[in-house]
Structures are given as C-alpha cells and as structure tokens.
N, C-alpha and C. Protein backbone atom coordinates (compact mmCIF):
# COMPACT_ATOMS: atom_id res chain seq x y z
N MET A 1 -5.39 2.00 -18.37
CA MET A 1 -5.81 1.77 -17.02
C MET A 1 -7.32 1.93 -16.87
N ALA A 2 -7.98 2.01 -18.00
CA ALA A 2 -9.44 2.09 -17.95
C ALA A 2 -10.02 0.85 -17.29
N LEU A 3 -9.31 -0.26 -17.39
CA LEU A 3 -9.77 -1.49 -16.76
C LEU A 3 -9.98 -1.30 -15.27
N ILE A 4 -9.10 -0.60 -14.62
CA ILE A 4 -9.19 -0.39 -13.18
C ILE A 4 -10.42 0.44 -12.84
N PHE A 5 -10.70 1.47 -13.66
CA PHE A 5 -11.78 2.40 -13.33
C PHE A 5 -13.14 1.95 -13.87
N GLU A 6 -13.16 1.42 -15.07
CA GLU A 6 -14.44 1.16 -15.72
C GLU A 6 -14.87 -0.30 -15.71
N CYS A 7 -13.93 -1.20 -15.57
CA CYS A 7 -14.26 -2.63 -15.66
C CYS A 7 -13.68 -3.40 -14.49
N ASP A 8 -13.69 -2.80 -13.32
CA ASP A 8 -13.06 -3.46 -12.18
C ASP A 8 -13.74 -4.78 -11.82
N HIS A 9 -14.97 -5.00 -12.26
CA HIS A 9 -15.64 -6.27 -12.01
C HIS A 9 -14.91 -7.43 -12.69
N LEU A 10 -14.16 -7.13 -13.76
CA LEU A 10 -13.39 -8.18 -14.43
C LEU A 10 -12.22 -8.66 -13.59
N LEU A 11 -11.82 -7.85 -12.61
CA LEU A 11 -10.68 -8.20 -11.76
C LEU A 11 -11.11 -8.89 -10.47
N GLN A 12 -12.40 -9.14 -10.30
CA GLN A 12 -12.90 -9.78 -9.08
C GLN A 12 -12.48 -11.25 -8.96
N PRO A 13 -12.57 -12.04 -10.03
CA PRO A 13 -12.11 -13.43 -9.88
C PRO A 13 -10.61 -13.46 -9.55
N GLU A 14 -10.25 -14.37 -8.67
CA GLU A 14 -8.85 -14.44 -8.20
C GLU A 14 -7.86 -14.59 -9.35
N ALA A 15 -8.15 -15.48 -10.28
CA ALA A 15 -7.22 -15.71 -11.39
C ALA A 15 -7.02 -14.45 -12.23
N SER A 16 -8.09 -13.74 -12.49
CA SER A 16 -7.98 -12.50 -13.27
C SER A 16 -7.18 -11.45 -12.52
N CYS A 17 -7.45 -11.32 -11.25
CA CYS A 17 -6.73 -10.36 -10.42
C CYS A 17 -5.24 -10.69 -10.39
N LEU A 18 -4.91 -11.97 -10.19
CA LEU A 18 -3.51 -12.37 -10.15
C LEU A 18 -2.81 -12.10 -11.48
N HIS A 19 -3.48 -12.43 -12.57
CA HIS A 19 -2.89 -12.20 -13.89
C HIS A 19 -2.64 -10.70 -14.11
N PHE A 20 -3.60 -9.88 -13.73
CA PHE A 20 -3.46 -8.43 -13.88
C PHE A 20 -2.30 -7.90 -13.04
N LEU A 21 -2.20 -8.36 -11.79
CA LEU A 21 -1.11 -7.90 -10.92
C LEU A 21 0.24 -8.31 -11.48
N ARG A 22 0.33 -9.52 -12.02
CA ARG A 22 1.61 -9.96 -12.60
C ARG A 22 1.96 -9.13 -13.83
N ALA A 23 0.94 -8.71 -14.58
CA ALA A 23 1.18 -7.94 -15.80
C ALA A 23 1.63 -6.51 -15.49
N ILE A 24 1.12 -5.92 -14.42
CA ILE A 24 1.44 -4.51 -14.15
C ILE A 24 2.66 -4.33 -13.26
N ARG A 25 3.22 -5.39 -12.74
CA ARG A 25 4.29 -5.25 -11.74
C ARG A 25 5.60 -4.69 -12.30
N PHE A 26 5.77 -4.68 -13.60
CA PHE A 26 7.05 -4.26 -14.15
C PHE A 26 7.19 -2.76 -14.36
N MET A 27 6.07 -2.03 -14.27
CA MET A 27 6.15 -0.59 -14.40
C MET A 27 5.16 0.08 -13.45
N ARG A 28 5.67 0.91 -12.59
CA ARG A 28 4.83 1.58 -11.60
C ARG A 28 4.27 2.88 -12.15
N THR A 29 2.99 3.08 -11.93
CA THR A 29 2.35 4.36 -12.15
C THR A 29 1.54 4.65 -10.89
N ASN A 30 1.11 5.88 -10.73
CA ASN A 30 0.31 6.21 -9.55
C ASN A 30 -1.01 5.46 -9.53
N VAL A 31 -1.62 5.29 -10.68
CA VAL A 31 -2.89 4.56 -10.76
C VAL A 31 -2.67 3.10 -10.37
N ARG A 32 -1.62 2.50 -10.89
CA ARG A 32 -1.32 1.10 -10.55
C ARG A 32 -1.01 0.95 -9.07
N ALA A 33 -0.22 1.85 -8.55
CA ALA A 33 0.15 1.78 -7.13
C ALA A 33 -1.08 1.90 -6.24
N THR A 34 -1.97 2.79 -6.59
CA THR A 34 -3.21 2.96 -5.82
C THR A 34 -4.05 1.69 -5.89
N HIS A 35 -4.16 1.14 -7.08
CA HIS A 35 -4.94 -0.09 -7.25
C HIS A 35 -4.35 -1.24 -6.42
N VAL A 36 -3.04 -1.40 -6.45
CA VAL A 36 -2.39 -2.49 -5.72
C VAL A 36 -2.58 -2.29 -4.22
N SER A 37 -2.41 -1.09 -3.74
CA SER A 37 -2.60 -0.83 -2.30
C SER A 37 -4.04 -1.10 -1.87
N ARG A 38 -4.99 -0.66 -2.68
CA ARG A 38 -6.40 -0.89 -2.36
C ARG A 38 -6.71 -2.39 -2.38
N THR A 39 -6.17 -3.09 -3.36
CA THR A 39 -6.39 -4.54 -3.45
C THR A 39 -5.80 -5.24 -2.24
N PHE A 40 -4.61 -4.85 -1.84
CA PHE A 40 -3.96 -5.48 -0.69
C PHE A 40 -4.80 -5.29 0.58
N ARG A 41 -5.34 -4.11 0.75
CA ARG A 41 -6.14 -3.82 1.95
C ARG A 41 -7.49 -4.53 1.96
N THR A 42 -8.10 -4.71 0.79
CA THR A 42 -9.48 -5.19 0.76
C THR A 42 -9.62 -6.70 0.52
N VAL A 43 -8.64 -7.32 -0.08
CA VAL A 43 -8.75 -8.74 -0.41
C VAL A 43 -8.09 -9.57 0.69
N GLU A 44 -8.75 -10.65 1.07
CA GLU A 44 -8.22 -11.51 2.13
C GLU A 44 -7.40 -12.68 1.60
N LEU A 45 -7.44 -12.94 0.31
CA LEU A 45 -6.75 -14.09 -0.27
C LEU A 45 -5.23 -13.91 -0.20
N ALA A 46 -4.55 -14.91 0.36
CA ALA A 46 -3.09 -14.83 0.51
C ALA A 46 -2.40 -14.76 -0.84
N THR A 47 -2.92 -15.43 -1.85
CA THR A 47 -2.28 -15.40 -3.16
C THR A 47 -2.28 -13.99 -3.75
N VAL A 48 -3.38 -13.28 -3.56
CA VAL A 48 -3.48 -11.91 -4.07
C VAL A 48 -2.57 -10.99 -3.26
N LYS A 49 -2.54 -11.17 -1.95
CA LYS A 49 -1.65 -10.36 -1.11
C LYS A 49 -0.19 -10.56 -1.53
N ARG A 50 0.18 -11.82 -1.81
CA ARG A 50 1.56 -12.09 -2.25
C ARG A 50 1.85 -11.37 -3.57
N ALA A 51 0.90 -11.37 -4.48
CA ALA A 51 1.11 -10.69 -5.76
C ALA A 51 1.26 -9.18 -5.57
N CYS A 52 0.51 -8.63 -4.63
CA CYS A 52 0.65 -7.19 -4.33
C CYS A 52 2.04 -6.89 -3.78
N ILE A 53 2.50 -7.72 -2.87
CA ILE A 53 3.83 -7.54 -2.29
C ILE A 53 4.90 -7.66 -3.38
N ASP A 54 4.68 -8.57 -4.33
CA ASP A 54 5.62 -8.73 -5.43
C ASP A 54 5.67 -7.46 -6.28
N CYS A 55 4.54 -6.82 -6.49
CA CYS A 55 4.54 -5.53 -7.20
C CYS A 55 5.40 -4.52 -6.45
N TRP A 56 5.17 -4.42 -5.15
CA TRP A 56 5.96 -3.47 -4.36
C TRP A 56 7.44 -3.79 -4.43
N ARG A 57 7.77 -5.06 -4.43
CA ARG A 57 9.18 -5.47 -4.50
C ARG A 57 9.79 -5.01 -5.82
N HIS A 58 9.09 -5.22 -6.92
CA HIS A 58 9.60 -4.79 -8.23
C HIS A 58 9.71 -3.28 -8.33
N TRP A 59 8.77 -2.58 -7.73
CA TRP A 59 8.74 -1.11 -7.79
C TRP A 59 9.63 -0.47 -6.75
N LYS A 60 10.15 -1.27 -5.83
CA LYS A 60 10.93 -0.74 -4.70
C LYS A 60 10.09 0.27 -3.92
N ASP A 61 8.83 -0.06 -3.70
CA ASP A 61 7.87 0.80 -3.01
C ASP A 61 8.04 0.62 -1.50
N ARG A 62 8.96 1.39 -0.93
CA ARG A 62 9.29 1.29 0.49
C ARG A 62 8.09 1.57 1.40
N ALA A 63 7.34 2.60 1.08
CA ALA A 63 6.23 2.99 1.95
C ALA A 63 5.20 1.86 2.07
N SER A 64 4.86 1.23 0.98
CA SER A 64 3.89 0.13 1.03
C SER A 64 4.46 -1.08 1.75
N PHE A 65 5.73 -1.36 1.50
CA PHE A 65 6.38 -2.48 2.19
C PHE A 65 6.40 -2.24 3.69
N LEU A 66 6.81 -1.05 4.10
CA LEU A 66 6.88 -0.75 5.53
C LEU A 66 5.50 -0.79 6.18
N SER A 67 4.50 -0.36 5.46
CA SER A 67 3.14 -0.43 5.98
C SER A 67 2.71 -1.90 6.17
N ALA A 68 3.06 -2.74 5.22
CA ALA A 68 2.68 -4.16 5.30
C ALA A 68 3.40 -4.89 6.43
N ILE A 69 4.68 -4.59 6.64
CA ILE A 69 5.41 -5.34 7.67
C ILE A 69 4.92 -4.99 9.07
N ASN A 70 4.24 -3.87 9.21
CA ASN A 70 3.68 -3.54 10.52
C ASN A 70 2.57 -4.50 10.91
N SER A 71 1.98 -5.19 9.95
CA SER A 71 0.91 -6.16 10.22
C SER A 71 1.40 -7.59 10.01
N TYR A 72 2.69 -7.79 10.00
CA TYR A 72 3.30 -9.09 9.70
C TYR A 72 2.66 -10.23 10.50
N ASP A 73 2.47 -10.03 11.77
CA ASP A 73 1.95 -11.11 12.64
C ASP A 73 0.53 -11.50 12.30
N ASN A 74 -0.21 -10.66 11.62
CA ASN A 74 -1.60 -10.95 11.29
C ASN A 74 -1.77 -11.69 9.97
N PHE A 75 -0.68 -11.87 9.24
CA PHE A 75 -0.76 -12.50 7.92
C PHE A 75 -0.61 -14.01 8.01
N LEU A 76 -1.12 -14.68 6.98
CA LEU A 76 -0.94 -16.12 6.84
C LEU A 76 0.52 -16.41 6.49
N PRO A 77 0.98 -17.64 6.75
CA PRO A 77 2.39 -17.97 6.47
C PRO A 77 2.84 -17.67 5.05
N ASP A 78 1.98 -17.90 4.04
CA ASP A 78 2.38 -17.61 2.66
C ASP A 78 2.70 -16.13 2.47
N THR A 79 1.91 -15.28 3.05
CA THR A 79 2.14 -13.84 2.95
C THR A 79 3.38 -13.45 3.73
N GLN A 80 3.59 -14.06 4.88
CA GLN A 80 4.79 -13.78 5.67
C GLN A 80 6.04 -14.16 4.89
N ARG A 81 6.01 -15.30 4.21
CA ARG A 81 7.17 -15.71 3.42
C ARG A 81 7.45 -14.72 2.29
N MET A 82 6.39 -14.21 1.65
CA MET A 82 6.59 -13.24 0.57
C MET A 82 7.17 -11.94 1.11
N LEU A 83 6.73 -11.51 2.29
CA LEU A 83 7.33 -10.33 2.90
C LEU A 83 8.80 -10.57 3.19
N TRP A 84 9.13 -11.78 3.64
CA TRP A 84 10.52 -12.13 3.92
C TRP A 84 11.35 -12.02 2.65
N ILE A 85 10.85 -12.57 1.54
CA ILE A 85 11.57 -12.49 0.27
C ILE A 85 11.70 -11.03 -0.16
N ALA A 86 10.60 -10.29 -0.10
CA ALA A 86 10.62 -8.88 -0.53
C ALA A 86 11.59 -8.05 0.31
N SER A 87 11.79 -8.44 1.55
CA SER A 87 12.64 -7.64 2.44
C SER A 87 14.06 -7.50 1.91
N TYR A 88 14.50 -8.45 1.08
CA TYR A 88 15.86 -8.36 0.54
C TYR A 88 15.98 -7.27 -0.53
N SER A 89 14.87 -6.74 -0.99
CA SER A 89 14.89 -5.66 -1.97
C SER A 89 14.87 -4.28 -1.33
N PHE A 90 14.81 -4.23 0.00
CA PHE A 90 14.65 -2.95 0.68
C PHE A 90 15.80 -2.63 1.63
N GLY A 91 16.96 -3.12 1.32
CA GLY A 91 18.17 -2.74 2.05
C GLY A 91 18.06 -2.81 3.55
N ASP A 92 18.39 -1.69 4.20
CA ASP A 92 18.41 -1.63 5.66
C ASP A 92 17.04 -1.89 6.28
N GLU A 93 15.98 -1.35 5.65
CA GLU A 93 14.64 -1.58 6.20
C GLU A 93 14.31 -3.07 6.21
N GLY A 94 14.67 -3.75 5.12
CA GLY A 94 14.43 -5.19 5.05
C GLY A 94 15.25 -5.96 6.07
N GLN A 95 16.49 -5.56 6.23
CA GLN A 95 17.34 -6.23 7.22
C GLN A 95 16.80 -6.01 8.63
N HIS A 96 16.38 -4.80 8.92
CA HIS A 96 15.82 -4.52 10.25
C HIS A 96 14.54 -5.31 10.48
N PHE A 97 13.75 -5.47 9.45
CA PHE A 97 12.52 -6.27 9.55
C PHE A 97 12.86 -7.72 9.89
N ARG A 98 13.83 -8.29 9.18
CA ARG A 98 14.19 -9.70 9.44
C ARG A 98 14.75 -9.86 10.84
N LEU A 99 15.57 -8.91 11.28
CA LEU A 99 16.12 -8.98 12.64
C LEU A 99 15.02 -8.85 13.69
N ARG A 100 14.05 -7.97 13.41
CA ARG A 100 12.94 -7.80 14.35
C ARG A 100 12.14 -9.10 14.49
N VAL A 101 11.89 -9.76 13.37
CA VAL A 101 11.15 -11.03 13.41
C VAL A 101 11.94 -12.06 14.21
N LYS A 102 13.23 -12.12 13.97
CA LYS A 102 14.06 -13.09 14.70
C LYS A 102 14.11 -12.78 16.20
N LYS A 103 14.27 -11.51 16.55
CA LYS A 103 14.35 -11.13 17.96
C LYS A 103 13.03 -11.36 18.69
N LYS A 104 11.95 -11.18 18.00
CA LYS A 104 10.64 -11.33 18.64
C LYS A 104 10.47 -12.72 19.23
N ILE A 105 11.11 -13.68 18.64
CA ILE A 105 10.99 -15.06 19.12
C ILE A 105 12.09 -15.39 20.13
N ASN A 106 12.88 -14.42 20.50
CA ASN A 106 13.92 -14.61 21.53
C ASN A 106 14.89 -15.74 21.20
N SER A 107 15.50 -15.64 20.08
CA SER A 107 16.56 -16.54 19.63
C SER A 107 16.08 -17.96 19.32
N ASN A 108 14.81 -18.25 19.42
CA ASN A 108 14.33 -19.56 19.03
C ASN A 108 13.75 -19.46 17.62
N TRP A 109 14.62 -19.46 16.65
CA TRP A 109 14.23 -19.25 15.26
C TRP A 109 13.30 -20.34 14.76
N GLN A 110 13.44 -21.54 15.27
CA GLN A 110 12.55 -22.63 14.85
C GLN A 110 11.10 -22.29 15.15
N LEU A 111 10.83 -21.70 16.30
CA LEU A 111 9.46 -21.33 16.63
C LEU A 111 8.97 -20.20 15.73
N ALA A 112 9.87 -19.30 15.38
CA ALA A 112 9.47 -18.16 14.55
C ALA A 112 8.99 -18.62 13.19
N THR A 113 9.65 -19.60 12.65
CA THR A 113 9.31 -20.06 11.31
C THR A 113 8.53 -21.37 11.35
N GLY A 114 8.15 -21.81 12.53
CA GLY A 114 7.42 -23.07 12.64
C GLY A 114 6.13 -23.09 11.85
N ASN A 115 5.45 -21.96 11.78
CA ASN A 115 4.22 -21.96 11.00
C ASN A 115 4.49 -21.90 9.51
N TRP A 116 5.75 -21.77 9.10
CA TRP A 116 6.10 -21.83 7.69
C TRP A 116 6.29 -23.27 7.23
N GLN A 117 6.31 -24.21 8.14
CA GLN A 117 6.55 -25.60 7.77
C GLN A 117 5.42 -26.13 6.91
N LEU A 118 5.77 -27.10 6.08
CA LEU A 118 4.80 -27.68 5.16
C LEU A 118 4.03 -28.85 5.77
N GLY A 119 4.55 -29.40 6.85
CA GLY A 119 3.89 -30.53 7.49
C GLY A 119 4.41 -31.88 7.03
N ILE A 120 5.39 -31.89 6.16
CA ILE A 120 5.94 -33.15 5.67
C ILE A 120 7.41 -33.31 6.05
N GLU A 121 7.90 -32.40 6.88
CA GLU A 121 9.31 -32.47 7.27
C GLU A 121 9.56 -33.69 8.15
N SER A 122 10.75 -34.21 8.04
CA SER A 122 11.15 -35.30 8.92
C SER A 122 12.13 -34.77 9.96
N THR A 123 12.28 -35.49 11.04
CA THR A 123 13.16 -35.03 12.10
C THR A 123 14.63 -35.17 11.72
N ASN A 124 14.93 -35.95 10.70
CA ASN A 124 16.33 -36.19 10.31
C ASN A 124 16.85 -35.23 9.25
N SER A 125 16.00 -34.31 8.81
CA SER A 125 16.45 -33.39 7.76
C SER A 125 16.04 -31.97 8.13
N PRO A 126 16.66 -30.99 7.48
CA PRO A 126 16.30 -29.60 7.78
C PRO A 126 14.84 -29.32 7.43
N SER A 127 14.23 -28.41 8.15
CA SER A 127 12.84 -28.08 7.88
C SER A 127 12.75 -27.18 6.66
N PHE A 128 11.55 -27.11 6.09
CA PHE A 128 11.32 -26.23 4.95
C PHE A 128 11.67 -24.80 5.31
N SER A 129 11.28 -24.37 6.51
CA SER A 129 11.54 -22.98 6.90
C SER A 129 13.04 -22.68 6.95
N ASP A 130 13.84 -23.63 7.42
CA ASP A 130 15.29 -23.43 7.43
C ASP A 130 15.84 -23.33 6.01
N ILE A 131 15.39 -24.22 5.15
CA ILE A 131 15.84 -24.22 3.76
C ILE A 131 15.40 -22.94 3.06
N PHE A 132 14.16 -22.53 3.31
CA PHE A 132 13.62 -21.31 2.69
C PHE A 132 14.44 -20.09 3.10
N CYS A 133 14.70 -19.95 4.38
CA CYS A 133 15.45 -18.79 4.86
C CYS A 133 16.87 -18.79 4.32
N SER A 134 17.49 -19.95 4.26
CA SER A 134 18.83 -20.05 3.72
C SER A 134 18.83 -19.68 2.23
N TRP A 135 17.87 -20.19 1.49
CA TRP A 135 17.75 -19.91 0.06
C TRP A 135 17.51 -18.42 -0.18
N SER A 136 16.57 -17.84 0.56
CA SER A 136 16.24 -16.42 0.33
C SER A 136 17.41 -15.51 0.67
N ASN A 137 18.25 -15.93 1.58
CA ASN A 137 19.42 -15.16 1.94
C ASN A 137 20.46 -15.15 0.82
N LYS A 138 20.47 -16.20 0.01
CA LYS A 138 21.47 -16.33 -1.03
C LYS A 138 21.01 -15.81 -2.39
N CYS A 139 19.71 -15.57 -2.53
CA CYS A 139 19.16 -15.12 -3.82
C CYS A 139 19.36 -13.63 -4.01
N ASP A 140 19.49 -13.24 -5.24
CA ASP A 140 19.59 -11.84 -5.58
C ASP A 140 18.24 -11.39 -6.13
N PHE A 141 17.39 -10.90 -5.23
CA PHE A 141 16.06 -10.46 -5.67
C PHE A 141 16.16 -9.09 -6.21
C-alpha cells in the first residue's frame, strides 16, 4: 500500500485510478477503505465514483454505502445506477433505499428513472431504465 502513501500522483490519471480501484476491490483493508472513501469524496468523475461504490459492494461496507445514498439526488445518472445495483448487496438497507427512491417520485416510476434513459428509446418498446431495473432485480450481486 506504499502506492497510496508515497506515489499517489500515479493514481491521478483516471485510467490509473480505475485500474487500481478494480485491483483492490477484492480484499478490504483499513488503508484501502480509507483511500476509497477519500477518493469518492474528492473526485468528481462518475466513473471513479462508480468504481468506489463497486469496492464497497464487494466489501459489504454498509457505512460507506449508507453515507453515499444520502447524497443520491446529487449524483449523475451513472452513479445513481451503480448505487441501485449495489443496493442489492445490502439487504434491508438496500431495499429501503430502493423503496425510498420510488416513493420520492410518488408512484411515477418513469419520472424517477427518466434521467437514466439513454436517449435512444422508442415509444413502442420498454425504456432502458425499465429494463435496467428489471435486470438488476433478477441478478445475484
């Protein structure tokens, strides 16, 4: 973990940061968890935020997940989708999060996930957001 402390400049480029996050996600240590949390807070790139959330999902890091979902509305759609996927790894907390998102829109689920659309949907077929939510519900994360 000397890379985190002594050579953190090597993790500044997005590709390097993403590769590092993917490499460390399979085993949690306190140093790694601190690095991921700091990265999530300081980096604005949605791809990096998604990779941080994926680390928390693999580690079953409830505290970090719960902290992130409190800012759900402030995230870009890509990050929101990753939180949605990660929520299936957190049992009741994840279920309550999904219900809260659905209730917030007052039963109009299309509006809730409207910003998840890709922009290429047709009116004659299901939207990406509908397909995504259906798929994530059936996956075993």
